[in-house]
């Protein structure tokens, strides 16, 4: 039994454009070491802020864990 595939040229072109746009944004983000939303990557922030920031995060993590245990 033969069948017909409908092909929407405009839609496929716009999908290709969208994929290229997304790839472009992702490439730019990688170059700038940011995530796709424009936020700096967390690993870079941790490295830049150094040991002081790591100590702060550990203290906060302990607070969150004790709060969860109480709940």
C-alpha atoms as a PDB file:
ATOM      1  CA  UNK A   1       0.000   0.000   0.000  1.00  0.00           C
ATOM      2  CA  UNK A   2       1.613   3.295  -1.071  1.00  0.00           C
ATOM      3  CA  UNK A   3       1.742   6.241   1.261  1.00  0.00           C
ATOM      4  CA  UNK A   4       2.496   9.939   0.908  1.00  0.00           C
ATOM      5  CA  UNK A   5       4.841  11.864   3.166  1.00  0.00           C
ATOM      6  CA  UNK A   6       3.891  15.509   3.495  1.00  0.00           C
ATOM      7  CA  UNK A   7       6.929  17.750   3.569  1.00  0.00           C
ATOM      8  CA  UNK A   8       6.646  21.264   4.914  1.00  0.00           C
ATOM      9  CA  UNK A   9       9.686  23.102   3.572  1.00  0.00           C
ATOM     10  CA  UNK A  10       9.136  26.248   5.658  1.00  0.00           C
ATOM     11  CA  UNK A  11       8.903  24.277   8.873  1.00  0.00           C
ATOM     12  CA  UNK A  12      11.986  22.211   8.215  1.00  0.00           C
ATOM     13  CA  UNK A  13      13.958  25.361   7.349  1.00  0.00           C
ATOM     14  CA  UNK A  14      12.874  27.082  10.558  1.00  0.00           C
ATOM     15  CA  UNK A  15      13.803  23.993  12.588  1.00  0.00           C
ATOM     16  CA  UNK A  16      17.258  24.018  11.022  1.00  0.00           C
ATOM     17  CA  UNK A  17      17.632  27.708  11.833  1.00  0.00           C
ATOM     18  CA  UNK A  18      16.588  27.060  15.441  1.00  0.00           C
ATOM     19  CA  UNK A  19      19.100  24.209  15.770  1.00  0.00           C
ATOM     20  CA  UNK A  20      21.860  26.425  14.400  1.00  0.00           C
ATOM     21  CA  UNK A  21      20.877  29.211  16.783  1.00  0.00           C
ATOM     22  CA  UNK A  22      20.945  26.865  19.776  1.00  0.00           C
ATOM     23  CA  UNK A  23      24.314  25.477  18.702  1.00  0.00           C
ATOM     24  CA  UNK A  24      25.671  29.000  18.323  1.00  0.00           C
ATOM     25  CA  UNK A  25      24.536  30.002  21.815  1.00  0.00           C
ATOM     26  CA  UNK A  26      25.991  26.812  23.298  1.00  0.00           C
ATOM     27  CA  UNK A  27      29.310  27.411  21.531  1.00  0.00           C
ATOM     28  CA  UNK A  28      29.463  30.986  22.797  1.00  0.00           C
ATOM     29  CA  UNK A  29      28.649  29.797  26.301  1.00  0.00           C
ATOM     30  CA  UNK A  30      31.497  27.275  26.181  1.00  0.00           C
ATOM     31  CA  UNK A  31      33.903  29.954  25.006  1.00  0.00           C
ATOM     32  CA  UNK A  32      32.900  32.283  27.832  1.00  0.00           C
ATOM     33  CA  UNK A  33      32.639  29.430  30.356  1.00  0.00           C
ATOM     34  CA  UNK A  34      29.013  30.207  31.053  1.00  0.00           C
ATOM     35  CA  UNK A  35      25.951  28.033  30.937  1.00  0.00           C
ATOM     36  CA  UNK A  36      23.332  28.528  28.233  1.00  0.00           C
ATOM     37  CA  UNK A  37      21.264  30.884  30.426  1.00  0.00           C
ATOM     38  CA  UNK A  38      24.230  33.232  30.759  1.00  0.00           C
ATOM     39  CA  UNK A  39      25.195  32.368  34.324  1.00  0.00           C
ATOM     40  CA  UNK A  40      28.861  31.771  35.008  1.00  0.00           C
ATOM     41  CA  UNK A  41      29.575  28.106  35.441  1.00  0.00           C
ATOM     42  CA  UNK A  42      29.614  27.027  39.072  1.00  0.00           C
ATOM     43  CA  UNK A  43      33.000  25.343  38.784  1.00  0.00           C
ATOM     44  CA  UNK A  44      34.591  28.572  37.587  1.00  0.00           C
ATOM     45  CA  UNK A  45      32.957  30.505  40.437  1.00  0.00           C
ATOM     46  CA  UNK A  46      34.291  28.055  42.986  1.00  0.00           C
ATOM     47  CA  UNK A  47      37.794  28.309  41.605  1.00  0.00           C
ATOM     48  CA  UNK A  48      37.709  32.094  41.406  1.00  0.00           C
ATOM     49  CA  UNK A  49      36.376  32.597  44.906  1.00  0.00           C
ATOM     50  CA  UNK A  50      38.769  30.071  46.318  1.00  0.00           C
ATOM     51  CA  UNK A  51      39.049  28.558  49.743  1.00  0.00           C
ATOM     52  CA  UNK A  52      36.945  31.158  51.573  1.00  0.00           C
ATOM     53  CA  UNK A  53      33.945  30.342  49.383  1.00  0.00           C
ATOM     54  CA  UNK A  54      34.466  26.589  49.830  1.00  0.00           C
ATOM     55  CA  UNK A  55      34.405  26.989  53.627  1.00  0.00           C
ATOM     56  CA  UNK A  56      31.178  28.991  53.362  1.00  0.00           C
ATOM     57  CA  UNK A  57      29.557  26.294  51.197  1.00  0.00           C
ATOM     58  CA  UNK A  58      30.572  23.527  53.616  1.00  0.00           C
ATOM     59  CA  UNK A  59      29.088  25.462  56.554  1.00  0.00           C
ATOM     60  CA  UNK A  60      25.828  26.046  54.664  1.00  0.00           C
ATOM     61  CA  UNK A  61      25.674  22.392  53.656  1.00  0.00           C
ATOM     62  CA  UNK A  62      25.984  21.359  57.323  1.00  0.00           C
ATOM     63  CA  UNK A  63      23.167  23.766  58.247  1.00  0.00           C
ATOM     64  CA  UNK A  64      20.921  22.310  55.540  1.00  0.00           C
ATOM     65  CA  UNK A  65      21.692  18.742  56.612  1.00  0.00           C
ATOM     66  CA  UNK A  66      20.911  19.420  60.275  1.00  0.00           C
ATOM     67  CA  UNK A  67      17.698  21.223  59.298  1.00  0.00           C
ATOM     68  CA  UNK A  68      16.649  18.203  57.202  1.00  0.00           C
ATOM     69  CA  UNK A  69      17.395  15.828  60.080  1.00  0.00           C
ATOM     70  CA  UNK A  70      15.184  17.883  62.435  1.00  0.00           C
ATOM     71  CA  UNK A  71      12.263  17.827  59.983  1.00  0.00           C
END
